[in-house]
Every structure is written in structure tokens, then in C-alpha cells.
């Protein structure tokens, strides 16, 4: 499994889970692409047909407040006074086609590679979880077997303490 190097880690720290989707916000992408956030938004608005809802969406006030409260972003001022746009992996790839700079293309490729590494790590974690579940079932079955053995032993011990009838013939005198 590929691990994240320090450059990948810097990108990974700018990926947020919002609405159950991994996204990056426009301000971070603009910084990585070396363009002003307002220019990035303008390009997106000019090419809105390239950005359906599952490629990009605008954050709600509550989502921004949550990100600030969780220290994902330092403050609302950090966002430039407007509600940011969040771009999914597909939206980030589309941005490279809209921005059209060499830096944007190179960074988009790098970002997509980080998303792919995330998926690989998630798959390996799912594999581990499956193995743990199988082990748990095995241990539970063994626990049940051991309990049954102990119950059988207890019954044998109890039976030994009960008086038994002698075995053999009784002679009459």
C-alpha cells in the first residue's frame, strides 16, 4: 500500500469530509493552482455547465460554522467573506480544464493521486475489518465450545458426588 509523503500530506490536510463526500474548498485550490480565489470562481461561473452538483456545491452557513468550530479553517474571514465552493474529485479534475495553466494541471494530477491513495487505504482498512470480523466469529464459536465443555465437566463432577448403587450380584443369605 502506498503511504502519503509530506507533499501528499499537505494536500490531504486540505481535504474535508462534507455531506459525506471528500472535497476541497475553492480557496485552498486557488492557492495550490497559484490563482486568486475570485478568478477561480469566475472561471467556474463562466463554465457552470461543466460543474454539476456532484462535481461542486456551495457550502451552507452551518457547514462553514462547523468547519470553523472544528478548526478545519481558522475563521470565516479566511474564506474571503463569501460561502466557499466545495469541489469533489471530479470537480477538481474539471478545474484543471477550466483554469488551463500548467500549474493547475500538475496540481490537479497530484490531488487526484492523493484521492486514489485515500481509496487504496480505505480498501485495505475494509479488508482488515473483514478479517477482524471473521476472527471475532471464530472466537465466539470457540467461547461457546469451551462453555459447553465446562458444563459437561460440571455435570460429571456433580454425578460423582451422588451415591451410586453398587454394581454386581447380591447374594442372599
N, C-alpha and C. Protein backbone atom coordinates (compact mmCIF):
# COMPACT_ATOMS: atom_id res chain seq x y z
N UNK A 1 0.84 -1.18 0.00
CA UNK A 1 0.00 0.00 0.00
C UNK A 1 0.89 1.24 0.00
N UNK A 2 0.52 2.20 -0.79
CA UNK A 2 1.29 3.43 -0.87
C UNK A 2 0.97 4.32 0.33
N UNK A 3 2.00 4.87 0.91
CA UNK A 3 1.84 5.80 2.03
C UNK A 3 1.88 7.22 1.49
N UNK A 4 1.36 8.16 2.26
CA UNK A 4 1.39 9.56 1.87
C UNK A 4 2.74 10.16 2.24
N UNK A 5 3.40 10.82 1.27
CA UNK A 5 4.63 11.51 1.60
C UNK A 5 4.28 12.92 2.10
N UNK A 6 5.28 13.72 2.42
CA UNK A 6 5.00 15.02 3.05
C UNK A 6 4.22 15.95 2.13
N UNK A 7 4.52 15.96 0.83
CA UNK A 7 3.76 16.80 -0.10
C UNK A 7 2.31 16.33 -0.20
N UNK A 8 2.13 15.02 -0.26
CA UNK A 8 0.78 14.45 -0.30
C UNK A 8 0.04 14.78 0.99
N UNK A 9 0.77 14.76 2.10
CA UNK A 9 0.16 15.04 3.40
C UNK A 9 -0.37 16.47 3.45
N UNK A 10 0.36 17.41 2.85
CA UNK A 10 -0.10 18.80 2.81
C UNK A 10 -1.39 18.91 2.02
N UNK A 11 -1.49 18.17 0.94
CA UNK A 11 -2.74 18.16 0.16
C UNK A 11 -3.84 17.48 0.96
N UNK A 12 -3.52 16.34 1.58
CA UNK A 12 -4.52 15.58 2.33
C UNK A 12 -5.13 16.41 3.46
N UNK A 13 -4.34 17.28 4.07
CA UNK A 13 -4.84 18.13 5.15
C UNK A 13 -5.87 19.14 4.67
N UNK A 14 -5.95 19.35 3.37
CA UNK A 14 -6.91 20.31 2.80
C UNK A 14 -8.13 19.59 2.23
N UNK A 15 -8.22 18.30 2.44
CA UNK A 15 -9.39 17.54 2.00
C UNK A 15 -10.31 17.37 3.20
N UNK A 16 -11.56 17.77 3.02
CA UNK A 16 -12.54 17.73 4.10
C UNK A 16 -13.66 16.75 3.74
N UNK A 17 -14.29 16.22 4.77
CA UNK A 17 -15.46 15.37 4.56
C UNK A 17 -16.68 16.22 4.86
N UNK A 18 -17.41 16.58 3.81
CA UNK A 18 -18.60 17.41 3.94
C UNK A 18 -19.73 16.71 3.21
N UNK A 19 -20.87 16.59 3.88
CA UNK A 19 -22.04 15.89 3.32
C UNK A 19 -21.68 14.46 2.93
N UNK A 20 -20.74 13.88 3.66
CA UNK A 20 -20.33 12.51 3.40
C UNK A 20 -19.46 12.35 2.18
N UNK A 21 -18.94 13.46 1.64
CA UNK A 21 -18.13 13.43 0.42
C UNK A 21 -16.79 14.10 0.71
N UNK A 22 -15.72 13.53 0.18
CA UNK A 22 -14.40 14.16 0.31
C UNK A 22 -14.31 15.29 -0.70
N UNK A 23 -14.03 16.51 -0.19
CA UNK A 23 -13.99 17.69 -1.04
C UNK A 23 -12.81 18.59 -0.66
N UNK A 24 -12.52 19.52 -1.55
CA UNK A 24 -11.56 20.59 -1.26
C UNK A 24 -12.28 21.91 -1.52
N UNK A 25 -11.96 22.93 -0.72
CA UNK A 25 -12.65 24.20 -0.90
C UNK A 25 -11.89 25.08 -1.88
N UNK A 26 -12.63 25.99 -2.49
CA UNK A 26 -12.09 26.80 -3.58
C UNK A 26 -10.85 27.60 -3.19
N UNK A 27 -10.81 28.14 -2.00
CA UNK A 27 -9.67 28.97 -1.58
C UNK A 27 -8.37 28.15 -1.55
N UNK A 28 -8.47 26.92 -1.03
CA UNK A 28 -7.28 26.05 -0.98
C UNK A 28 -6.83 25.68 -2.39
N UNK A 29 -7.78 25.37 -3.25
CA UNK A 29 -7.44 25.02 -4.64
C UNK A 29 -6.81 26.20 -5.37
N UNK A 30 -7.36 27.40 -5.16
CA UNK A 30 -6.81 28.59 -5.80
C UNK A 30 -5.36 28.79 -5.37
N UNK A 31 -5.10 28.57 -4.09
CA UNK A 31 -3.73 28.71 -3.58
C UNK A 31 -2.80 27.69 -4.24
N UNK A 32 -3.27 26.46 -4.37
CA UNK A 32 -2.44 25.41 -4.98
C UNK A 32 -2.22 25.67 -6.47
N UNK A 33 -3.25 26.21 -7.14
CA UNK A 33 -3.15 26.49 -8.57
C UNK A 33 -2.45 27.82 -8.85
N UNK A 34 -2.15 28.55 -7.78
CA UNK A 34 -1.48 29.85 -7.88
C UNK A 34 -2.32 30.87 -8.66
N UNK A 35 -3.61 30.90 -8.34
CA UNK A 35 -4.53 31.92 -8.87
C UNK A 35 -5.29 32.52 -7.70
N UNK A 36 -5.89 33.69 -7.93
CA UNK A 36 -6.69 34.31 -6.88
C UNK A 36 -8.03 33.58 -6.79
N UNK A 37 -8.56 33.41 -5.56
CA UNK A 37 -9.84 32.71 -5.40
C UNK A 37 -10.97 33.31 -6.24
N UNK A 38 -10.98 34.64 -6.34
CA UNK A 38 -12.05 35.27 -7.13
C UNK A 38 -11.95 34.89 -8.60
N UNK A 39 -10.73 34.73 -9.12
CA UNK A 39 -10.53 34.33 -10.52
C UNK A 39 -10.98 32.88 -10.72
N UNK A 40 -10.69 32.04 -9.76
CA UNK A 40 -11.13 30.64 -9.84
C UNK A 40 -12.65 30.58 -9.89
N UNK A 41 -13.31 31.34 -9.02
CA UNK A 41 -14.78 31.33 -9.00
C UNK A 41 -15.35 31.88 -10.31
N UNK A 42 -14.70 32.91 -10.86
CA UNK A 42 -15.17 33.47 -12.13
C UNK A 42 -15.11 32.42 -13.23
N UNK A 43 -14.02 31.68 -13.29
CA UNK A 43 -13.87 30.64 -14.31
C UNK A 43 -14.94 29.56 -14.13
N UNK A 44 -15.22 29.23 -12.90
CA UNK A 44 -16.25 28.22 -12.63
C UNK A 44 -17.61 28.73 -13.09
N UNK A 45 -17.91 30.00 -12.79
CA UNK A 45 -19.21 30.56 -13.20
C UNK A 45 -19.32 30.65 -14.72
N UNK A 46 -18.23 30.97 -15.38
CA UNK A 46 -18.25 31.04 -16.84
C UNK A 46 -18.46 29.67 -17.48
N UNK A 47 -18.06 28.64 -16.77
CA UNK A 47 -18.16 27.27 -17.28
C UNK A 47 -19.07 26.42 -16.40
N UNK A 48 -20.16 27.00 -15.94
CA UNK A 48 -21.03 26.32 -14.97
C UNK A 48 -21.57 24.99 -15.48
N UNK A 49 -21.72 24.84 -16.81
CA UNK A 49 -22.25 23.57 -17.36
C UNK A 49 -21.28 22.41 -17.13
N UNK A 50 -20.03 22.72 -16.86
CA UNK A 50 -19.02 21.67 -16.59
C UNK A 50 -19.01 21.22 -15.14
N UNK A 51 -19.79 21.90 -14.29
CA UNK A 51 -19.74 21.61 -12.86
C UNK A 51 -21.13 21.29 -12.31
N UNK A 52 -21.62 20.07 -12.59
CA UNK A 52 -22.91 19.67 -11.99
C UNK A 52 -22.77 19.53 -10.47
N UNK A 53 -23.89 19.35 -9.82
CA UNK A 53 -23.91 19.31 -8.34
C UNK A 53 -22.99 18.26 -7.74
N UNK A 54 -22.77 17.15 -8.44
CA UNK A 54 -21.90 16.12 -7.86
C UNK A 54 -20.42 16.39 -8.15
N UNK A 55 -20.11 17.49 -8.85
CA UNK A 55 -18.73 17.95 -9.05
C UNK A 55 -18.39 19.09 -8.10
N UNK A 56 -19.39 19.91 -7.78
CA UNK A 56 -19.15 21.10 -6.98
C UNK A 56 -20.45 21.56 -6.34
N UNK A 57 -20.36 22.09 -5.12
CA UNK A 57 -21.52 22.70 -4.47
C UNK A 57 -21.03 23.80 -3.54
N UNK A 58 -21.94 24.73 -3.23
CA UNK A 58 -21.58 25.82 -2.33
C UNK A 58 -21.95 25.40 -0.91
N UNK A 59 -21.05 25.68 0.02
CA UNK A 59 -21.29 25.32 1.41
C UNK A 59 -22.39 26.18 2.01
N UNK A 60 -23.08 25.62 2.98
CA UNK A 60 -24.10 26.34 3.73
C UNK A 60 -23.45 27.02 4.93
N UNK A 61 -24.14 28.03 5.48
CA UNK A 61 -23.61 28.72 6.66
C UNK A 61 -23.29 27.76 7.80
N UNK A 62 -24.17 26.78 8.02
CA UNK A 62 -23.96 25.82 9.12
C UNK A 62 -22.69 24.99 8.89
N UNK A 63 -22.44 24.63 7.64
CA UNK A 63 -21.26 23.82 7.32
C UNK A 63 -19.98 24.63 7.55
N UNK A 64 -20.02 25.92 7.17
CA UNK A 64 -18.85 26.78 7.41
C UNK A 64 -18.64 26.96 8.91
N UNK A 65 -19.72 27.19 9.65
CA UNK A 65 -19.61 27.34 11.11
C UNK A 65 -19.03 26.09 11.74
N UNK A 66 -19.45 24.92 11.26
CA UNK A 66 -18.93 23.66 11.79
C UNK A 66 -17.44 23.53 11.51
N UNK A 67 -17.02 23.89 10.29
CA UNK A 67 -15.60 23.80 9.94
C UNK A 67 -14.77 24.74 10.81
N UNK A 68 -15.30 25.94 11.08
CA UNK A 68 -14.58 26.89 11.94
C UNK A 68 -14.52 26.35 13.36
N UNK A 69 -15.64 25.80 13.85
CA UNK A 69 -15.67 25.30 15.23
C UNK A 69 -14.75 24.09 15.42
N UNK A 70 -14.53 23.32 14.35
CA UNK A 70 -13.66 22.15 14.41
C UNK A 70 -12.22 22.50 14.05
N UNK A 71 -11.95 23.79 13.85
CA UNK A 71 -10.62 24.31 13.50
C UNK A 71 -10.10 23.77 12.17
N UNK A 72 -11.00 23.36 11.29
CA UNK A 72 -10.56 22.95 9.96
C UNK A 72 -10.11 24.18 9.18
N UNK A 73 -10.78 25.30 9.45
CA UNK A 73 -10.35 26.58 8.89
C UNK A 73 -10.26 27.56 10.05
N UNK A 74 -9.31 28.50 9.99
CA UNK A 74 -9.08 29.38 11.14
C UNK A 74 -10.27 30.26 11.49
N UNK A 75 -10.92 30.83 10.48
CA UNK A 75 -12.06 31.72 10.74
C UNK A 75 -12.83 31.91 9.44
N UNK A 76 -14.00 32.51 9.57
CA UNK A 76 -14.80 32.81 8.38
C UNK A 76 -14.07 33.81 7.49
N UNK A 77 -13.30 34.70 8.10
CA UNK A 77 -12.54 35.69 7.33
C UNK A 77 -11.55 35.01 6.38
N UNK A 78 -11.05 33.87 6.80
CA UNK A 78 -10.10 33.11 5.98
C UNK A 78 -10.71 32.75 4.62
N UNK A 79 -12.03 32.65 4.57
CA UNK A 79 -12.72 32.26 3.35
C UNK A 79 -12.97 33.43 2.41
N UNK A 80 -12.61 34.63 2.82
CA UNK A 80 -12.74 35.78 1.94
C UNK A 80 -14.11 36.43 1.96
N UNK A 81 -14.91 36.18 2.97
CA UNK A 81 -16.18 36.87 3.11
C UNK A 81 -17.35 36.26 2.36
N UNK A 82 -17.16 35.16 1.69
CA UNK A 82 -18.29 34.53 1.00
C UNK A 82 -18.31 33.04 1.32
N UNK A 83 -19.43 32.43 1.03
CA UNK A 83 -19.53 30.99 1.25
C UNK A 83 -18.70 30.28 0.18
N UNK A 84 -17.79 29.41 0.60
CA UNK A 84 -16.90 28.76 -0.38
C UNK A 84 -17.61 27.68 -1.19
N UNK A 85 -17.00 27.38 -2.30
CA UNK A 85 -17.44 26.25 -3.11
C UNK A 85 -16.59 25.06 -2.71
N UNK A 86 -17.22 23.90 -2.69
CA UNK A 86 -16.51 22.66 -2.39
C UNK A 86 -16.49 21.83 -3.66
N UNK A 87 -15.31 21.32 -4.01
CA UNK A 87 -15.13 20.56 -5.23
C UNK A 87 -14.82 19.11 -4.90
N UNK A 88 -15.54 18.20 -5.55
CA UNK A 88 -15.27 16.78 -5.39
C UNK A 88 -14.07 16.43 -6.26
N UNK A 89 -13.67 15.19 -6.20
CA UNK A 89 -12.54 14.73 -7.01
C UNK A 89 -12.77 15.04 -8.50
N UNK A 90 -13.98 14.81 -8.99
CA UNK A 90 -14.29 15.06 -10.39
C UNK A 90 -14.28 16.56 -10.69
N UNK A 91 -14.75 17.35 -9.74
CA UNK A 91 -14.74 18.80 -9.92
C UNK A 91 -13.32 19.34 -9.98
N UNK A 92 -12.44 18.78 -9.18
CA UNK A 92 -11.03 19.20 -9.18
C UNK A 92 -10.40 18.90 -10.53
N UNK A 93 -10.71 17.74 -11.08
CA UNK A 93 -10.19 17.38 -12.40
C UNK A 93 -10.73 18.34 -13.46
N UNK A 94 -11.98 18.69 -13.36
CA UNK A 94 -12.58 19.62 -14.32
C UNK A 94 -11.97 21.01 -14.18
N UNK A 95 -11.61 21.40 -12.97
CA UNK A 95 -10.98 22.71 -12.76
C UNK A 95 -9.71 22.85 -13.59
N UNK A 96 -8.94 21.80 -13.70
CA UNK A 96 -7.70 21.85 -14.49
C UNK A 96 -8.01 22.18 -15.94
N UNK A 97 -9.15 21.73 -16.44
CA UNK A 97 -9.55 22.03 -17.82
C UNK A 97 -10.02 23.47 -17.97
N UNK A 98 -10.54 24.03 -16.89
CA UNK A 98 -11.06 25.39 -16.94
C UNK A 98 -9.97 26.42 -16.68
N UNK A 99 -9.09 26.15 -15.73
CA UNK A 99 -8.03 27.10 -15.37
C UNK A 99 -6.95 27.12 -16.47
N UNK A 100 -6.62 25.98 -17.01
CA UNK A 100 -5.71 25.83 -18.15
C UNK A 100 -4.29 26.33 -17.93
N UNK A 101 -3.82 26.35 -16.74
CA UNK A 101 -2.40 26.67 -16.53
C UNK A 101 -1.65 25.37 -16.28
N UNK A 102 -0.36 25.36 -16.56
CA UNK A 102 0.45 24.16 -16.33
C UNK A 102 0.44 23.79 -14.85
N UNK A 103 0.48 24.80 -14.00
CA UNK A 103 0.47 24.55 -12.55
C UNK A 103 -0.84 23.89 -12.13
N UNK A 104 -1.96 24.38 -12.66
CA UNK A 104 -3.27 23.81 -12.33
C UNK A 104 -3.36 22.35 -12.78
N UNK A 105 -2.84 22.07 -13.95
CA UNK A 105 -2.87 20.70 -14.46
C UNK A 105 -2.01 19.79 -13.57
N UNK A 106 -0.79 20.25 -13.27
CA UNK A 106 0.11 19.44 -12.44
C UNK A 106 -0.47 19.22 -11.05
N UNK A 107 -1.03 20.27 -10.45
CA UNK A 107 -1.60 20.14 -9.10
C UNK A 107 -2.84 19.24 -9.11
N UNK A 108 -3.65 19.36 -10.14
CA UNK A 108 -4.84 18.50 -10.23
C UNK A 108 -4.45 17.04 -10.28
N UNK A 109 -3.43 16.74 -11.06
CA UNK A 109 -2.95 15.35 -11.14
C UNK A 109 -2.48 14.89 -9.77
N UNK A 110 -1.72 15.73 -9.08
CA UNK A 110 -1.21 15.39 -7.75
C UNK A 110 -2.36 15.17 -6.77
N UNK A 111 -3.36 16.05 -6.82
CA UNK A 111 -4.52 15.93 -5.92
C UNK A 111 -5.28 14.64 -6.20
N UNK A 112 -5.49 14.31 -7.48
CA UNK A 112 -6.20 13.08 -7.83
C UNK A 112 -5.43 11.87 -7.32
N UNK A 113 -4.10 11.91 -7.42
CA UNK A 113 -3.29 10.81 -6.89
C UNK A 113 -3.49 10.64 -5.39
N UNK A 114 -3.64 11.74 -4.66
CA UNK A 114 -3.90 11.66 -3.21
C UNK A 114 -5.27 11.03 -2.97
N UNK A 115 -6.28 11.43 -3.74
CA UNK A 115 -7.61 10.82 -3.61
C UNK A 115 -7.53 9.31 -3.86
N UNK A 116 -6.75 8.90 -4.86
CA UNK A 116 -6.60 7.47 -5.17
C UNK A 116 -5.94 6.75 -4.00
N UNK A 117 -4.91 7.36 -3.40
CA UNK A 117 -4.25 6.75 -2.24
C UNK A 117 -5.23 6.61 -1.07
N UNK A 118 -6.09 7.61 -0.89
CA UNK A 118 -7.12 7.52 0.15
C UNK A 118 -8.00 6.29 -0.09
N UNK A 119 -8.42 6.11 -1.35
CA UNK A 119 -9.27 4.96 -1.66
C UNK A 119 -8.54 3.65 -1.39
N UNK A 120 -7.25 3.58 -1.76
CA UNK A 120 -6.47 2.37 -1.51
C UNK A 120 -6.38 2.09 -0.02
N UNK A 121 -6.16 3.14 0.78
CA UNK A 121 -6.09 2.95 2.23
C UNK A 121 -7.43 2.49 2.79
N UNK A 122 -8.51 3.05 2.27
CA UNK A 122 -9.85 2.67 2.72
C UNK A 122 -10.13 1.21 2.40
N UNK A 123 -9.74 0.77 1.21
CA UNK A 123 -9.95 -0.63 0.81
C UNK A 123 -9.16 -1.56 1.74
N UNK A 124 -7.91 -1.19 2.05
CA UNK A 124 -7.12 -2.06 2.93
C UNK A 124 -7.72 -2.08 4.33
N UNK A 125 -8.28 -0.96 4.77
CA UNK A 125 -8.92 -0.94 6.08
C UNK A 125 -10.16 -1.81 6.09
N UNK A 126 -10.90 -1.82 4.99
CA UNK A 126 -12.09 -2.68 4.90
C UNK A 126 -11.68 -4.14 4.93
N UNK A 127 -10.57 -4.47 4.26
CA UNK A 127 -10.06 -5.84 4.29
C UNK A 127 -9.70 -6.25 5.72
N UNK A 128 -9.03 -5.36 6.44
CA UNK A 128 -8.68 -5.65 7.83
C UNK A 128 -9.93 -5.82 8.69
N UNK A 129 -10.92 -4.97 8.48
CA UNK A 129 -12.15 -5.07 9.24
C UNK A 129 -12.83 -6.41 8.99
N UNK A 130 -12.84 -6.86 7.74
CA UNK A 130 -13.43 -8.15 7.41
C UNK A 130 -12.71 -9.29 8.12
N UNK A 131 -11.37 -9.23 8.15
CA UNK A 131 -10.59 -10.26 8.83
C UNK A 131 -10.88 -10.25 10.33
N UNK A 132 -10.99 -9.06 10.92
CA UNK A 132 -11.31 -8.97 12.35
C UNK A 132 -12.69 -9.55 12.64
N UNK A 133 -13.65 -9.30 11.76
CA UNK A 133 -14.99 -9.86 11.94
C UNK A 133 -14.95 -11.39 11.88
N UNK A 134 -14.15 -11.92 10.96
CA UNK A 134 -14.03 -13.37 10.85
C UNK A 134 -13.38 -13.95 12.12
N UNK A 135 -12.35 -13.28 12.62
CA UNK A 135 -11.71 -13.72 13.86
C UNK A 135 -12.68 -13.67 15.03
N UNK A 136 -13.48 -12.61 15.08
CA UNK A 136 -14.45 -12.46 16.17
C UNK A 136 -15.45 -13.62 16.16
N UNK A 137 -15.93 -13.98 14.97
CA UNK A 137 -16.87 -15.10 14.85
C UNK A 137 -16.21 -16.39 15.33
N UNK A 138 -14.95 -16.58 14.96
CA UNK A 138 -14.22 -17.77 15.36
C UNK A 138 -14.05 -17.81 16.88
N UNK A 139 -13.69 -16.69 17.47
CA UNK A 139 -13.50 -16.62 18.92
C UNK A 139 -14.83 -16.88 19.63
N UNK A 140 -15.91 -16.30 19.13
CA UNK A 140 -17.22 -16.52 19.74
C UNK A 140 -17.58 -18.00 19.69
N UNK A 141 -17.32 -18.64 18.55
CA UNK A 141 -17.61 -20.07 18.42
C UNK A 141 -16.76 -20.87 19.41
N UNK A 142 -15.49 -20.51 19.54
CA UNK A 142 -14.62 -21.20 20.50
C UNK A 142 -15.10 -20.97 21.93
N UNK A 143 -15.53 -19.76 22.24
CA UNK A 143 -16.09 -19.47 23.57
C UNK A 143 -17.29 -20.37 23.85
N UNK A 144 -18.16 -20.51 22.85
CA UNK A 144 -19.34 -21.37 23.03
C UNK A 144 -18.92 -22.83 23.25
N UNK A 145 -17.92 -23.28 22.50
CA UNK A 145 -17.43 -24.66 22.65
C UNK A 145 -16.82 -24.87 24.03
N UNK A 146 -16.02 -23.91 24.48
CA UNK A 146 -15.38 -24.02 25.81
C UNK A 146 -16.45 -24.02 26.90
N UNK A 147 -17.46 -23.20 26.76
CA UNK A 147 -18.55 -23.17 27.74
C UNK A 147 -19.26 -24.52 27.79
N UNK A 148 -19.50 -25.13 26.64
CA UNK A 148 -20.16 -26.44 26.59
C UNK A 148 -19.28 -27.49 27.26
N UNK A 149 -17.96 -27.44 27.07
CA UNK A 149 -17.04 -28.39 27.71
C UNK A 149 -17.10 -28.24 29.23
N UNK A 150 -17.06 -26.99 29.70
CA UNK A 150 -17.12 -26.76 31.16
C UNK A 150 -18.44 -27.23 31.74
N UNK A 151 -19.53 -27.04 31.05
CA UNK A 151 -20.82 -27.51 31.55
C UNK A 151 -20.84 -29.04 31.64
N UNK A 152 -20.26 -29.70 30.65
CA UNK A 152 -20.21 -31.17 30.67
C UNK A 152 -19.34 -31.64 31.83
N UNK A 153 -18.20 -30.98 32.07
CA UNK A 153 -17.33 -31.34 33.20
C UNK A 153 -18.04 -31.14 34.53
N UNK A 154 -18.78 -30.06 34.68
CA UNK A 154 -19.52 -29.80 35.93
C UNK A 154 -20.55 -30.90 36.18
N UNK A 155 -21.21 -31.34 35.12
CA UNK A 155 -22.19 -32.41 35.27
C UNK A 155 -21.52 -33.71 35.71
N UNK A 156 -20.35 -33.96 35.17
CA UNK A 156 -19.62 -35.16 35.57
C UNK A 156 -19.22 -35.08 37.05
N UNK A 157 -18.78 -33.92 37.49
CA UNK A 157 -18.37 -33.74 38.89
C UNK A 157 -19.57 -33.92 39.81
N UNK A 158 -20.70 -33.36 39.44
CA UNK A 158 -21.90 -33.48 40.26
C UNK A 158 -22.34 -34.93 40.34
N UNK A 159 -22.26 -35.65 39.24
CA UNK A 159 -22.66 -37.04 39.23
C UNK A 159 -21.75 -37.89 40.11
N UNK A 160 -20.48 -37.56 40.21
CA UNK A 160 -19.56 -38.33 41.04
C UNK A 160 -19.93 -38.20 42.51
N UNK A 161 -20.42 -37.11 42.93
CA UNK A 161 -20.74 -36.88 44.34
C UNK A 161 -22.04 -37.56 44.75
N UNK A 162 -22.87 -37.92 43.83
CA UNK A 162 -24.11 -38.59 44.18
C UNK A 162 -23.81 -40.06 44.49
N UNK A 163 -24.48 -40.61 45.54
CA UNK A 163 -24.24 -42.02 45.85
C UNK A 163 -24.76 -42.90 44.70
N UNK A 164 -23.99 -43.92 44.41
CA UNK A 164 -24.37 -44.81 43.32
C UNK A 164 -24.68 -46.19 43.87
N UNK A 165 -25.50 -46.88 43.19
CA UNK A 165 -25.81 -48.26 43.58
C UNK A 165 -24.63 -49.13 43.24
N UNK A 166 -24.31 -50.03 44.14
CA UNK A 166 -23.19 -50.91 43.84
C UNK A 166 -23.50 -51.79 42.63
N UNK A 167 -22.46 -52.10 41.94
CA UNK A 167 -22.60 -52.92 40.75
C UNK A 167 -22.23 -54.36 41.13
N UNK A 168 -22.93 -55.28 40.58
CA UNK A 168 -22.61 -56.68 40.80
C UNK A 168 -23.82 -57.45 41.32
N UNK A 169 -23.57 -58.70 41.76
CA UNK A 169 -24.63 -59.55 42.23
C UNK A 169 -24.80 -59.41 43.72
N UNK A 170 -26.03 -59.52 44.15
CA UNK A 170 -26.30 -59.54 45.57
C UNK A 170 -26.61 -60.98 45.94
N UNK A 171 -25.88 -61.45 46.92
CA UNK A 171 -26.13 -62.81 47.37
C UNK A 171 -27.13 -62.79 48.51
N UNK A 172 -28.02 -63.72 48.47
CA UNK A 172 -28.99 -63.83 49.56
C UNK A 172 -28.47 -64.85 50.54
N UNK A 173 -28.55 -64.56 51.76
CA UNK A 173 -28.09 -65.47 52.79
C UNK A 173 -29.22 -66.11 53.48
